[in-house]
Each structure stands twice: as structure tokens, then as C-alpha cells.
Amino acid sequence: MMWGYGTLYGNGSWWIGLVMMAVHILFWGFIIWFGVSLFNRSGRRSKLANGGNEAMEILRERYAKGEIDTEEFNRRKEVLAK
């Protein structure tokens, strides 16, 4: 006596389950990649916006280490302020 046409995995169609699993993995992988890329872009923008401050910090460090003199420090500081 037949109770139906068979189950999804019982009639040799087990590969459909593997395809669906792969689709789910790709979907969630894309979602994670997209979120990470958005997070990285926002971080890059804030670094670019603070680029002048970062350059000033480097200039101050070089002055503090004695790599440049006061005249050079003031000249470069004026250039950065523009």
C-alpha cells in the first residue's frame, strides 16, 4: 500500500537540501559582508574628516622630539590651518 509519493530526502532528491543550505549560507554571508563594509566606510569617513587633526598631532610629535625647530613648526602649522 502506498501512503504518498515519497519524502523529499527519500526519493533521491537529497541534493535539494544541500542547495538550500548553500543558498542560506551565501545569503547570511552577504548580509554580514554588507554590514562590515558599511561599518568600515563610516570609519574611513571619520578618519578623513579628522585628517587635519591627525596631521597636527604628527607635527606636534615631531616638534616635541626635536626633529623640527620652532620656525619650521610655525610655518607648517600655518599651512595646515589653511
PDB file of N, CA and C in Angstrom:
ATOM      1  N   MET A   1       0.830  -1.158   0.000  1.00  0.00           N
ATOM      2  CA  MET A   1       0.000   0.000   0.000  1.00  0.00           C
ATOM      3  C   MET A   1       0.893   1.247   0.000  1.00  0.00           C
ATOM      4  N   MET A   2       0.588   2.236  -0.832  1.00  0.00           N
ATOM      5  CA  MET A   2       1.355   3.465  -0.923  1.00  0.00           C
ATOM      6  C   MET A   2       0.694   4.548  -0.096  1.00  0.00           C
ATOM      7  N   TRP A   3       1.496   5.213   0.701  1.00  0.00           N
ATOM      8  CA  TRP A   3       0.989   6.283   1.557  1.00  0.00           C
ATOM      9  C   TRP A   3       1.272   7.670   0.977  1.00  0.00           C
ATOM     10  N   GLY A   4       1.942   7.774  -0.106  1.00  0.00           N
ATOM     11  CA  GLY A   4       2.258   9.068  -0.699  1.00  0.00           C
ATOM     12  C   GLY A   4       3.300   8.868  -1.792  1.00  0.00           C
ATOM     13  N   TYR A   5       3.821   9.940  -2.261  1.00  0.00           N
ATOM     14  CA  TYR A   5       4.785   9.870  -3.348  1.00  0.00           C
ATOM     15  C   TYR A   5       6.229   9.810  -2.863  1.00  0.00           C
ATOM     16  N   GLY A   6       6.435   9.725  -1.627  1.00  0.00           N
ATOM     17  CA  GLY A   6       7.789   9.674  -1.078  1.00  0.00           C
ATOM     18  C   GLY A   6       8.117  10.983  -0.381  1.00  0.00           C
ATOM     19  N   THR A   7       9.209  10.962   0.336  1.00  0.00           N
ATOM     20  CA  THR A   7       9.637  12.167   1.037  1.00  0.00           C
ATOM     21  C   THR A   7      10.694  12.882   0.216  1.00  0.00           C
ATOM     22  N   LEU A   8      11.003  14.076   0.620  1.00  0.00           N
ATOM     23  CA  LEU A   8      11.974  14.883  -0.109  1.00  0.00           C
ATOM     24  C   LEU A   8      13.331  14.205  -0.137  1.00  0.00           C
ATOM     25  N   TYR A   9      13.735  13.631   0.967  1.00  0.00           N
ATOM     26  CA  TYR A   9      15.057  13.013   1.038  1.00  0.00           C
ATOM     27  C   TYR A   9      15.031  11.521   0.724  1.00  0.00           C
ATOM     28  N   GLY A  10      13.866  10.943   0.709  1.00  0.00           N
ATOM     29  CA  GLY A  10      13.762   9.515   0.493  1.00  0.00           C
ATOM     30  C   GLY A  10      13.728   9.103  -0.970  1.00  0.00           C
ATOM     31  N   ASN A  11      13.494  10.028  -1.881  1.00  0.00           N
ATOM     32  CA  ASN A  11      13.374   9.620  -3.276  1.00  0.00           C
ATOM     33  C   ASN A  11      14.568  10.056  -4.122  1.00  0.00           C
ATOM     34  N   GLY A  12      15.716  10.322  -3.503  1.00  0.00           N
ATOM     35  CA  GLY A  12      16.907  10.680  -4.254  1.00  0.00           C
ATOM     36  C   GLY A  12      17.075  12.165  -4.487  1.00  0.00           C
ATOM     37  N   SER A  13      16.250  12.984  -3.867  1.00  0.00           N
ATOM     38  CA  SER A  13      16.355  14.434  -4.042  1.00  0.00           C
ATOM     39  C   SER A  13      17.070  15.089  -2.860  1.00  0.00           C
ATOM     40  N   TRP A  14      18.013  14.407  -2.261  1.00  0.00           N
ATOM     41  CA  TRP A  14      18.746  14.930  -1.107  1.00  0.00           C
ATOM     42  C   TRP A  14      19.579  16.154  -1.467  1.00  0.00           C
ATOM     43  N   TRP A  15      19.946  16.281  -2.724  1.00  0.00           N
ATOM     44  CA  TRP A  15      20.793  17.400  -3.145  1.00  0.00           C
ATOM     45  C   TRP A  15      20.061  18.733  -3.050  1.00  0.00           C
ATOM     46  N   ILE A  16      18.722  18.705  -3.067  1.00  0.00           N
ATOM     47  CA  ILE A  16      17.950  19.943  -2.921  1.00  0.00           C
ATOM     48  C   ILE A  16      18.201  20.552  -1.541  1.00  0.00           C
ATOM     49  N   GLY A  17      18.316  19.709  -0.545  1.00  0.00           N
ATOM     50  CA  GLY A  17      18.635  20.185   0.802  1.00  0.00           C
ATOM     51  C   GLY A  17      20.004  20.843   0.843  1.00  0.00           C
ATOM     52  N   LEU A  18      20.977  20.273   0.144  1.00  0.00           N
ATOM     53  CA  LEU A  18      22.309  20.871   0.091  1.00  0.00           C
ATOM     54  C   LEU A  18      22.289  22.217  -0.625  1.00  0.00           C
ATOM     55  N   VAL A  19      21.529  22.309  -1.694  1.00  0.00           N
ATOM     56  CA  VAL A  19      21.430  23.577  -2.422  1.00  0.00           C
ATOM     57  C   VAL A  19      20.792  24.645  -1.534  1.00  0.00           C
ATOM     58  N   MET A  20      19.745  24.288  -0.830  1.00  0.00           N
ATOM     59  CA  MET A  20      19.090  25.250   0.050  1.00  0.00           C
ATOM     60  C   MET A  20      20.022  25.699   1.176  1.00  0.00           C
ATOM     61  N   MET A  21      20.809  24.776   1.714  1.00  0.00           N
ATOM     62  CA  MET A  21      21.769  25.124   2.759  1.00  0.00           C
ATOM     63  C   MET A  21      22.811  26.093   2.207  1.00  0.00           C
ATOM     64  N   ALA A  22      23.285  25.841   0.991  1.00  0.00           N
ATOM     65  CA  ALA A  22      24.272  26.723   0.368  1.00  0.00           C
ATOM     66  C   ALA A  22      23.676  28.111   0.131  1.00  0.00           C
ATOM     67  N   VAL A  23      22.417  28.162  -0.282  1.00  0.00           N
ATOM     68  CA  VAL A  23      21.761  29.452  -0.504  1.00  0.00           C
ATOM     69  C   VAL A  23      21.665  30.232   0.803  1.00  0.00           C
ATOM     70  N   HIS A  24      21.321  29.561   1.887  1.00  0.00           N
ATOM     71  CA  HIS A  24      21.248  30.229   3.188  1.00  0.00           C
ATOM     72  C   HIS A  24      22.613  30.742   3.623  1.00  0.00           C
ATOM     73  N   ILE A  25      23.636  29.947   3.446  1.00  0.00           N
ATOM     74  CA  ILE A  25      24.991  30.363   3.835  1.00  0.00           C
ATOM     75  C   ILE A  25      25.426  31.570   3.006  1.00  0.00           C
ATOM     76  N   LEU A  26      25.166  31.547   1.715  1.00  0.00           N
ATOM     77  CA  LEU A  26      25.520  32.685   0.866  1.00  0.00           C
ATOM     78  C   LEU A  26      24.744  33.936   1.258  1.00  0.00           C
ATOM     79  N   PHE A  27      23.467  33.775   1.551  1.00  0.00           N
ATOM     80  CA  PHE A  27      22.637  34.911   1.944  1.00  0.00           C
ATOM     81  C   PHE A  27      23.175  35.573   3.208  1.00  0.00           C
ATOM     82  N   TRP A  28      23.407  34.780   4.262  1.00  0.00           N
ATOM     83  CA  TRP A  28      23.893  35.345   5.514  1.00  0.00           C
ATOM     84  C   TRP A  28      25.320  35.855   5.378  1.00  0.00           C
ATOM     85  N   GLY A  29      26.118  35.220   4.546  1.00  0.00           N
ATOM     86  CA  GLY A  29      27.464  35.724   4.284  1.00  0.00           C
ATOM     87  C   GLY A  29      27.420  37.097   3.637  1.00  0.00           C
ATOM     88  N   PHE A  30      26.510  37.281   2.687  1.00  0.00           N
ATOM     89  CA  PHE A  30      26.346  38.582   2.043  1.00  0.00           C
ATOM     90  C   PHE A  30      25.888  39.636   3.036  1.00  0.00           C
ATOM     91  N   ILE A  31      24.932  39.291   3.885  1.00  0.00           N
ATOM     92  CA  ILE A  31      24.433  40.244   4.882  1.00  0.00           C
ATOM     93  C   ILE A  31      25.565  40.673   5.816  1.00  0.00           C
ATOM     94  N   ILE A  32      26.372  39.731   6.279  1.00  0.00           N
ATOM     95  CA  ILE A  32      27.492  40.054   7.173  1.00  0.00           C
ATOM     96  C   ILE A  32      28.524  40.905   6.442  1.00  0.00           C
ATOM     97  N   TRP A  33      28.860  40.537   5.201  1.00  0.00           N
ATOM     98  CA  TRP A  33      29.834  41.313   4.427  1.00  0.00           C
ATOM     99  C   TRP A  33      29.342  42.744   4.214  1.00  0.00           C
ATOM    100  N   PHE A  34      28.074  42.898   3.901  1.00  0.00           N
ATOM    101  CA  PHE A  34      27.499  44.225   3.668  1.00  0.00           C
ATOM    102  C   PHE A  34      27.579  45.081   4.930  1.00  0.00           C
ATOM    103  N   GLY A  35      27.233  44.501   6.067  1.00  0.00           N
ATOM    104  CA  GLY A  35      27.301  45.237   7.327  1.00  0.00           C
ATOM    105  C   GLY A  35      28.719  45.655   7.674  1.00  0.00           C
ATOM    106  N   VAL A  36      29.676  44.763   7.476  1.00  0.00           N
ATOM    107  CA  VAL A  36      31.072  45.085   7.765  1.00  0.00           C
ATOM    108  C   VAL A  36      31.576  46.180   6.833  1.00  0.00           C
ATOM    109  N   SER A  37      31.213  46.114   5.557  1.00  0.00           N
ATOM    110  CA  SER A  37      31.673  47.140   4.619  1.00  0.00           C
ATOM    111  C   SER A  37      31.067  48.507   4.956  1.00  0.00           C
ATOM    112  N   LEU A  38      29.820  48.553   5.395  1.00  0.00           N
ATOM    113  CA  LEU A  38      29.232  49.829   5.820  1.00  0.00           C
ATOM    114  C   LEU A  38      29.945  50.378   7.043  1.00  0.00           C
ATOM    115  N   PHE A  39      30.277  49.502   7.974  1.00  0.00           N
ATOM    116  CA  PHE A  39      30.982  49.913   9.184  1.00  0.00           C
ATOM    117  C   PHE A  39      32.356  50.469   8.842  1.00  0.00           C
ATOM    118  N   ASN A  40      33.064  49.831   7.920  1.00  0.00           N
ATOM    119  CA  ASN A  40      34.396  50.298   7.529  1.00  0.00           C
ATOM    120  C   ASN A  40      34.331  51.627   6.799  1.00  0.00           C
ATOM    121  N   ARG A  41      33.332  51.824   5.969  1.00  0.00           N
ATOM    122  CA  ARG A  41      33.209  53.090   5.242  1.00  0.00           C
ATOM    123  C   ARG A  41      32.972  54.243   6.195  1.00  0.00           C
ATOM    124  N   SER A  42      32.138  54.054   7.200  1.00  0.00           N
ATOM    125  CA  SER A  42      31.873  55.135   8.143  1.00  0.00           C
ATOM    126  C   SER A  42      33.124  55.452   8.939  1.00  0.00           C
ATOM    127  N   GLY A  43      33.924  54.453   9.250  1.00  0.00           N
ATOM    128  CA  GLY A  43      35.187  54.692   9.944  1.00  0.00           C
ATOM    129  C   GLY A  43      36.167  55.457   9.093  1.00  0.00           C
ATOM    130  N   ARG A  44      36.199  55.168   7.798  1.00  0.00           N
ATOM    131  CA  ARG A  44      37.092  55.872   6.882  1.00  0.00           C
ATOM    132  C   ARG A  44      36.713  57.336   6.765  1.00  0.00           C
ATOM    133  N   ARG A  45      35.410  57.608   6.727  1.00  0.00           N
ATOM    134  CA  ARG A  45      34.960  58.993   6.609  1.00  0.00           C
ATOM    135  C   ARG A  45      35.376  59.807   7.822  1.00  0.00           C
ATOM    136  N   SER A  46      35.239  59.230   9.000  1.00  0.00           N
ATOM    137  CA  SER A  46      35.605  59.980  10.200  1.00  0.00           C
ATOM    138  C   SER A  46      37.111  60.208  10.252  1.00  0.00           C
ATOM    139  N   LYS A  47      37.907  59.262   9.757  1.00  0.00           N
ATOM    140  CA  LYS A  47      39.355  59.470   9.715  1.00  0.00           C
ATOM    141  C   LYS A  47      39.701  60.593   8.749  1.00  0.00           C
ATOM    142  N   LEU A  48      39.008  60.648   7.605  1.00  0.00           N
ATOM    143  CA  LEU A  48      39.271  61.709   6.645  1.00  0.00           C
ATOM    144  C   LEU A  48      38.851  63.059   7.210  1.00  0.00           C
ATOM    145  N   ALA A  49      37.759  63.099   7.920  1.00  0.00           N
ATOM    146  CA  ALA A  49      37.304  64.354   8.492  1.00  0.00           C
ATOM    147  C   ALA A  49      38.276  64.855   9.550  1.00  0.00           C
ATOM    148  N   ASN A  50      38.915  63.944  10.262  1.00  0.00           N
ATOM    149  CA  ASN A  50      39.881  64.323  11.288  1.00  0.00           C
ATOM    150  C   ASN A  50      41.307  64.342  10.758  1.00  0.00           C
ATOM    151  N   GLY A  51      41.460  64.306   9.452  1.00  0.00           N
ATOM    152  CA  GLY A  51      42.797  64.258   8.855  1.00  0.00           C
ATOM    153  C   GLY A  51      43.661  65.440   9.243  1.00  0.00           C
ATOM    154  N   GLY A  52      43.081  66.634   9.316  1.00  0.00           N
ATOM    155  CA  GLY A  52      43.838  67.807   9.721  1.00  0.00           C
ATOM    156  C   GLY A  52      44.330  67.692  11.144  1.00  0.00           C
ATOM    157  N   ASN A  53      43.499  67.170  12.018  1.00  0.00           N
ATOM    158  CA  ASN A  53      43.890  66.985  13.408  1.00  0.00           C
ATOM    159  C   ASN A  53      45.013  65.961  13.523  1.00  0.00           C
ATOM    160  N   GLU A  54      44.931  64.926  12.725  1.00  0.00           N
ATOM    161  CA  GLU A  54      45.958  63.896  12.757  1.00  0.00           C
ATOM    162  C   GLU A  54      47.294  64.462  12.276  1.00  0.00           C
ATOM    163  N   ALA A  55      47.249  65.282  11.229  1.00  0.00           N
ATOM    164  CA  ALA A  55      48.478  65.897  10.726  1.00  0.00           C
ATOM    165  C   ALA A  55      49.072  66.834  11.770  1.00  0.00           C
ATOM    166  N   MET A  56      48.220  67.561  12.473  1.00  0.00           N
ATOM    167  CA  MET A  56      48.700  68.461  13.524  1.00  0.00           C
ATOM    168  C   MET A  56      49.330  67.683  14.665  1.00  0.00           C
ATOM    169  N   GLU A  57      48.747  66.548  15.004  1.00  0.00           N
ATOM    170  CA  GLU A  57      49.325  65.711  16.057  1.00  0.00           C
ATOM    171  C   GLU A  57      50.717  65.213  15.656  1.00  0.00           C
ATOM    172  N   ILE A  58      50.865  64.809  14.419  1.00  0.00           N
ATOM    173  CA  ILE A  58      52.175  64.346  13.939  1.00  0.00           C
ATOM    174  C   ILE A  58      53.172  65.494  13.982  1.00  0.00           C
ATOM    175  N   LEU A  59      52.731  66.688  13.577  1.00  0.00           N
ATOM    176  CA  LEU A  59      53.601  67.853  13.608  1.00  0.00           C
ATOM    177  C   LEU A  59      54.044  68.162  15.035  1.00  0.00           C
ATOM    178  N   ARG A  60      53.103  68.085  15.967  1.00  0.00           N
ATOM    179  CA  ARG A  60      53.451  68.334  17.379  1.00  0.00           C
ATOM    180  C   ARG A  60      54.425  67.291  17.917  1.00  0.00           C
ATOM    181  N   GLU A  61      54.231  66.046  17.523  1.00  0.00           N
ATOM    182  CA  GLU A  61      55.148  64.989  17.959  1.00  0.00           C
ATOM    183  C   GLU A  61      56.557  65.226  17.426  1.00  0.00           C
ATOM    184  N   ARG A  62      56.640  65.590  16.155  1.00  0.00           N
ATOM    185  CA  ARG A  62      57.953  65.851  15.561  1.00  0.00           C
ATOM    186  C   ARG A  62      58.634  67.030  16.254  1.00  0.00           C
ATOM    187  N   TYR A  63      57.866  68.047  16.597  1.00  0.00           N
ATOM    188  CA  TYR A  63      58.413  69.209  17.303  1.00  0.00           C
ATOM    189  C   TYR A  63      58.880  68.809  18.705  1.00  0.00           C
ATOM    190  N   ALA A  64      58.077  68.001  19.372  1.00  0.00           N
ATOM    191  CA  ALA A  64      58.434  67.559  20.720  1.00  0.00           C
ATOM    192  C   ALA A  64      59.685  66.682  20.721  1.00  0.00           C
ATOM    193  N   LYS A  65      59.862  65.886  19.675  1.00  0.00           N
ATOM    194  CA  LYS A  65      61.050  65.027  19.583  1.00  0.00           C
ATOM    195  C   LYS A  65      62.298  65.802  19.176  1.00  0.00           C
ATOM    196  N   GLY A  66      62.095  67.043  18.703  1.00  0.00           N
ATOM    197  CA  GLY A  66      63.223  67.845  18.281  1.00  0.00           C
ATOM    198  C   GLY A  66      63.609  67.638  16.830  1.00  0.00           C
ATOM    199  N   GLU A  67      62.759  66.981  16.071  1.00  0.00           N
ATOM    200  CA  GLU A  67      63.045  66.731  14.655  1.00  0.00           C
ATOM    201  C   GLU A  67      62.939  68.010  13.826  1.00  0.00           C
ATOM    202  N   ILE A  68      62.083  68.960  14.257  1.00  0.00           N
ATOM    203  CA  ILE A  68      61.952  70.239  13.562  1.00  0.00           C
ATOM    204  C   ILE A  68      62.081  71.355  14.594  1.00  0.00           C
ATOM    205  N   ASP A  69      62.521  72.526  14.141  1.00  0.00           N
ATOM    206  CA  ASP A  69      62.671  73.653  15.059  1.00  0.00           C
ATOM    207  C   ASP A  69      61.377  74.469  15.124  1.00  0.00           C
ATOM    208  N   THR A  70      61.389  75.513  15.952  1.00  0.00           N
ATOM    209  CA  THR A  70      60.194  76.320  16.176  1.00  0.00           C
ATOM    210  C   THR A  70      59.745  77.018  14.901  1.00  0.00           C
ATOM    211  N   GLU A  71      60.685  77.525  14.133  1.00  0.00           N
ATOM    212  CA  GLU A  71      60.348  78.223  12.889  1.00  0.00           C
ATOM    213  C   GLU A  71      59.654  77.277  11.911  1.00  0.00           C
ATOM    214  N   GLU A  72      60.193  76.078  11.757  1.00  0.00           N
ATOM    215  CA  GLU A  72      59.584  75.081  10.858  1.00  0.00           C
ATOM    216  C   GLU A  72      58.204  74.664  11.372  1.00  0.00           C
ATOM    217  N   PHE A  73      58.084  74.492  12.690  1.00  0.00           N
ATOM    218  CA  PHE A  73      56.800  74.122  13.289  1.00  0.00           C
ATOM    219  C   PHE A  73      55.733  75.168  12.984  1.00  0.00           C
ATOM    220  N   ASN A  74      56.058  76.446  13.200  1.00  0.00           N
ATOM    221  CA  ASN A  74      55.091  77.524  12.976  1.00  0.00           C
ATOM    222  C   ASN A  74      54.720  77.632  11.499  1.00  0.00           C
ATOM    223  N   ARG A  75      55.711  77.469  10.612  1.00  0.00           N
ATOM    224  CA  ARG A  75      55.430  77.542   9.174  1.00  0.00           C
ATOM    225  C   ARG A  75      54.474  76.434   8.746  1.00  0.00           C
ATOM    226  N   ARG A  76      54.737  75.207   9.190  1.00  0.00           N
ATOM    227  CA  ARG A  76      53.881  74.070   8.807  1.00  0.00           C
ATOM    228  C   ARG A  76      52.501  74.163   9.466  1.00  0.00           C
ATOM    229  N   LYS A  77      52.447  74.711  10.657  1.00  0.00           N
ATOM    230  CA  LYS A  77      51.171  74.878  11.347  1.00  0.00           C
ATOM    231  C   LYS A  77      50.274  75.853  10.579  1.00  0.00           C
ATOM    232  N   GLU A  78      50.861  76.920  10.052  1.00  0.00           N
ATOM    233  CA  GLU A  78      50.093  77.869   9.251  1.00  0.00           C
ATOM    234  C   GLU A  78      49.573  77.218   7.972  1.00  0.00           C
ATOM    235  N   VAL A  79      50.392  76.376   7.363  1.00  0.00           N
ATOM    236  CA  VAL A  79      49.965  75.685   6.146  1.00  0.00           C
ATOM    237  C   VAL A  79      48.798  74.745   6.450  1.00  0.00           C
ATOM    238  N   LEU A  80      48.873  74.055   7.563  1.00  0.00           N
ATOM    239  CA  LEU A  80      47.790  73.133   7.929  1.00  0.00           C
ATOM    240  C   LEU A  80      46.500  73.877   8.288  1.00  0.00           C
ATOM    241  N   ALA A  81      46.616  75.073   8.776  1.00  0.00           N
ATOM    242  CA  ALA A  81      45.431  75.835   9.169  1.00  0.00           C
ATOM    243  C   ALA A  81      44.630  76.312   7.969  1.00  0.00           C
ATOM    244  N   LYS A  82      45.243  76.355   6.801  1.00  0.00           N
ATOM    245  CA  LYS A  82      44.552  76.851   5.593  1.00  0.00           C
ATOM    246  C   LYS A  82      43.543  75.877   5.079  1.00  0.00           C
TER     247      LYS A  82
END
